[in-house]
Amino acid sequence: MSDDRAPLHGIGHNRPCALCDGTGLCDEALIEQVAEDLWESRRHGTLDDVSWAECGGHWQPVFRGFAATAIASLSRRVQEQRD
């Protein structure tokens, strides 16, 4: 989809992201965003629910590790499909 008038022009495969641009690069900002998104997707609004900013020194590194692994896995898959 390359039509400039398309509703999602410039998003996703119209302009490749770090996963799809072929470089295989994964910067800290992408890891941080994915880690936060993963954490926030698991919040349930209970009394002991805490935000990403409040989850502390244990959970942030754990979720950053999950994010880095997921990004690396997706990057390998993209590269395999190109080869």
C-alpha atoms as a PDB file:
ATOM      1  CA  MET A   1       0.000   0.000   0.000  1.00  0.00           C
ATOM      2  CA  SER A   2       1.907   3.034  -1.163  1.00  0.00           C
ATOM      3  CA  ASP A   3      -0.925   5.491  -1.760  1.00  0.00           C
ATOM      4  CA  ASP A   4      -0.183   8.707   0.177  1.00  0.00           C
ATOM      5  CA  ARG A   5      -3.914   9.132   0.741  1.00  0.00           C
ATOM      6  CA  ALA A   6      -4.256   5.775   2.501  1.00  0.00           C
ATOM      7  CA  PRO A   7      -5.530   6.111   6.087  1.00  0.00           C
ATOM      8  CA  LEU A   8      -2.426   4.515   7.585  1.00  0.00           C
ATOM      9  CA  HIS A   9       0.171   6.045   5.295  1.00  0.00           C
ATOM     10  CA  GLY A  10       3.578   6.120   6.970  1.00  0.00           C
ATOM     11  CA  ILE A  11       2.698   3.419   9.477  1.00  0.00           C
ATOM     12  CA  GLY A  12       3.854  -0.167   9.433  1.00  0.00           C
ATOM     13  CA  HIS A  13       4.949  -1.537   6.107  1.00  0.00           C
ATOM     14  CA  ASN A  14       4.522   1.781   4.285  1.00  0.00           C
ATOM     15  CA  ARG A  15       7.613   2.900   6.172  1.00  0.00           C
ATOM     16  CA  PRO A  16       9.511  -0.074   7.605  1.00  0.00           C
ATOM     17  CA  CYS A  17      10.057  -0.202  11.337  1.00  0.00           C
ATOM     18  CA  ALA A  18      13.239  -1.354  13.080  1.00  0.00           C
ATOM     19  CA  LEU A  19      12.062  -4.961  12.760  1.00  0.00           C
ATOM     20  CA  CYS A  20      11.363  -4.849   9.035  1.00  0.00           C
ATOM     21  CA  ASP A  21      13.957  -2.466   7.606  1.00  0.00           C
ATOM     22  CA  GLY A  22      16.495  -5.249   7.193  1.00  0.00           C
ATOM     23  CA  THR A  23      19.075  -3.831   9.561  1.00  0.00           C
ATOM     24  CA  GLY A  24      18.146  -6.059  12.475  1.00  0.00           C
ATOM     25  CA  LEU A  25      18.854  -3.181  14.804  1.00  0.00           C
ATOM     26  CA  CYS A  26      16.996  -2.998  18.069  1.00  0.00           C
ATOM     27  CA  ASP A  27      17.630   0.092  20.125  1.00  0.00           C
ATOM     28  CA  GLU A  28      16.999   0.649  23.814  1.00  0.00           C
ATOM     29  CA  ALA A  29      14.011   2.899  23.115  1.00  0.00           C
ATOM     30  CA  LEU A  30      12.231   0.106  21.229  1.00  0.00           C
ATOM     31  CA  ILE A  31      12.995  -2.390  24.000  1.00  0.00           C
ATOM     32  CA  GLU A  32      11.720   0.063  26.606  1.00  0.00           C
ATOM     33  CA  GLN A  33       8.496   0.741  24.699  1.00  0.00           C
ATOM     34  CA  VAL A  34       7.763  -2.949  24.125  1.00  0.00           C
ATOM     35  CA  ALA A  35       8.561  -3.768  27.769  1.00  0.00           C
ATOM     36  CA  GLU A  36       6.196  -1.050  28.986  1.00  0.00           C
ATOM     37  CA  ASP A  37       3.482  -2.173  26.558  1.00  0.00           C
ATOM     38  CA  LEU A  38       3.852  -5.772  27.765  1.00  0.00           C
ATOM     39  CA  TRP A  39       3.606  -4.668  31.412  1.00  0.00           C
ATOM     40  CA  GLU A  40       0.628  -2.405  30.804  1.00  0.00           C
ATOM     41  CA  SER A  41      -1.173  -5.161  28.869  1.00  0.00           C
ATOM     42  CA  ARG A  42      -1.161  -7.288  32.033  1.00  0.00           C
ATOM     43  CA  ARG A  43      -2.624  -4.718  34.413  1.00  0.00           C
ATOM     44  CA  HIS A  44      -6.090  -5.550  35.663  1.00  0.00           C
ATOM     45  CA  GLY A  45      -7.146  -2.537  37.722  1.00  0.00           C
ATOM     46  CA  THR A  46      -6.949  -4.313  41.083  1.00  0.00           C
ATOM     47  CA  LEU A  47      -5.968  -2.572  44.315  1.00  0.00           C
ATOM     48  CA  ASP A  48      -2.380  -3.797  44.027  1.00  0.00           C
ATOM     49  CA  ASP A  49      -2.104  -2.730  40.380  1.00  0.00           C
ATOM     50  CA  VAL A  50       0.937  -0.557  39.634  1.00  0.00           C
ATOM     51  CA  SER A  51       2.059   1.319  36.541  1.00  0.00           C
ATOM     52  CA  TRP A  52       5.263   0.665  34.620  1.00  0.00           C
ATOM     53  CA  ALA A  53       6.897   3.672  36.280  1.00  0.00           C
ATOM     54  CA  GLU A  54       6.084   2.236  39.713  1.00  0.00           C
ATOM     55  CA  CYS A  55       6.804  -1.455  39.169  1.00  0.00           C
ATOM     56  CA  GLY A  56      10.359  -1.180  40.366  1.00  0.00           C
ATOM     57  CA  GLY A  57      13.802  -2.634  40.071  1.00  0.00           C
ATOM     58  CA  HIS A  58      12.780  -6.261  39.711  1.00  0.00           C
ATOM     59  CA  TRP A  59      10.008  -6.217  37.138  1.00  0.00           C
ATOM     60  CA  GLN A  60      11.355  -3.622  34.732  1.00  0.00           C
ATOM     61  CA  PRO A  61      14.530  -5.627  33.943  1.00  0.00           C
ATOM     62  CA  VAL A  62      12.457  -8.814  33.643  1.00  0.00           C
ATOM     63  CA  PHE A  63      10.070  -7.240  31.143  1.00  0.00           C
ATOM     64  CA  ARG A  64      12.942  -5.593  29.245  1.00  0.00           C
ATOM     65  CA  GLY A  65      14.392  -9.081  28.859  1.00  0.00           C
ATOM     66  CA  PHE A  66      11.052 -10.372  27.549  1.00  0.00           C
ATOM     67  CA  ALA A  67      10.891  -7.460  25.110  1.00  0.00           C
ATOM     68  CA  ALA A  68      14.457  -7.943  23.860  1.00  0.00           C
ATOM     69  CA  THR A  69      13.798 -11.658  23.309  1.00  0.00           C
ATOM     70  CA  ALA A  70      10.547 -10.993  21.438  1.00  0.00           C
ATOM     71  CA  ILE A  71      12.154  -8.338  19.240  1.00  0.00           C
ATOM     72  CA  ALA A  72      15.151 -10.562  18.462  1.00  0.00           C
ATOM     73  CA  SER A  73      12.824 -13.444  17.588  1.00  0.00           C
ATOM     74  CA  LEU A  74      10.761 -11.293  15.244  1.00  0.00           C
ATOM     75  CA  SER A  75      13.885  -9.823  13.651  1.00  0.00           C
ATOM     76  CA  ARG A  76      15.256 -13.315  12.942  1.00  0.00           C
ATOM     77  CA  ARG A  77      11.948 -14.350  11.407  1.00  0.00           C
ATOM     78  CA  VAL A  78      11.897 -11.287   9.150  1.00  0.00           C
ATOM     79  CA  GLN A  79      15.465 -11.967   8.057  1.00  0.00           C
ATOM     80  CA  GLU A  80      14.678 -15.644   7.358  1.00  0.00           C
ATOM     81  CA  GLN A  81      11.753 -14.619   5.169  1.00  0.00           C
ATOM     82  CA  ARG A  82      14.029 -12.281   3.188  1.00  0.00           C
ATOM     83  CA  ASP A  83      16.676 -14.949   2.609  1.00  0.00           C
END
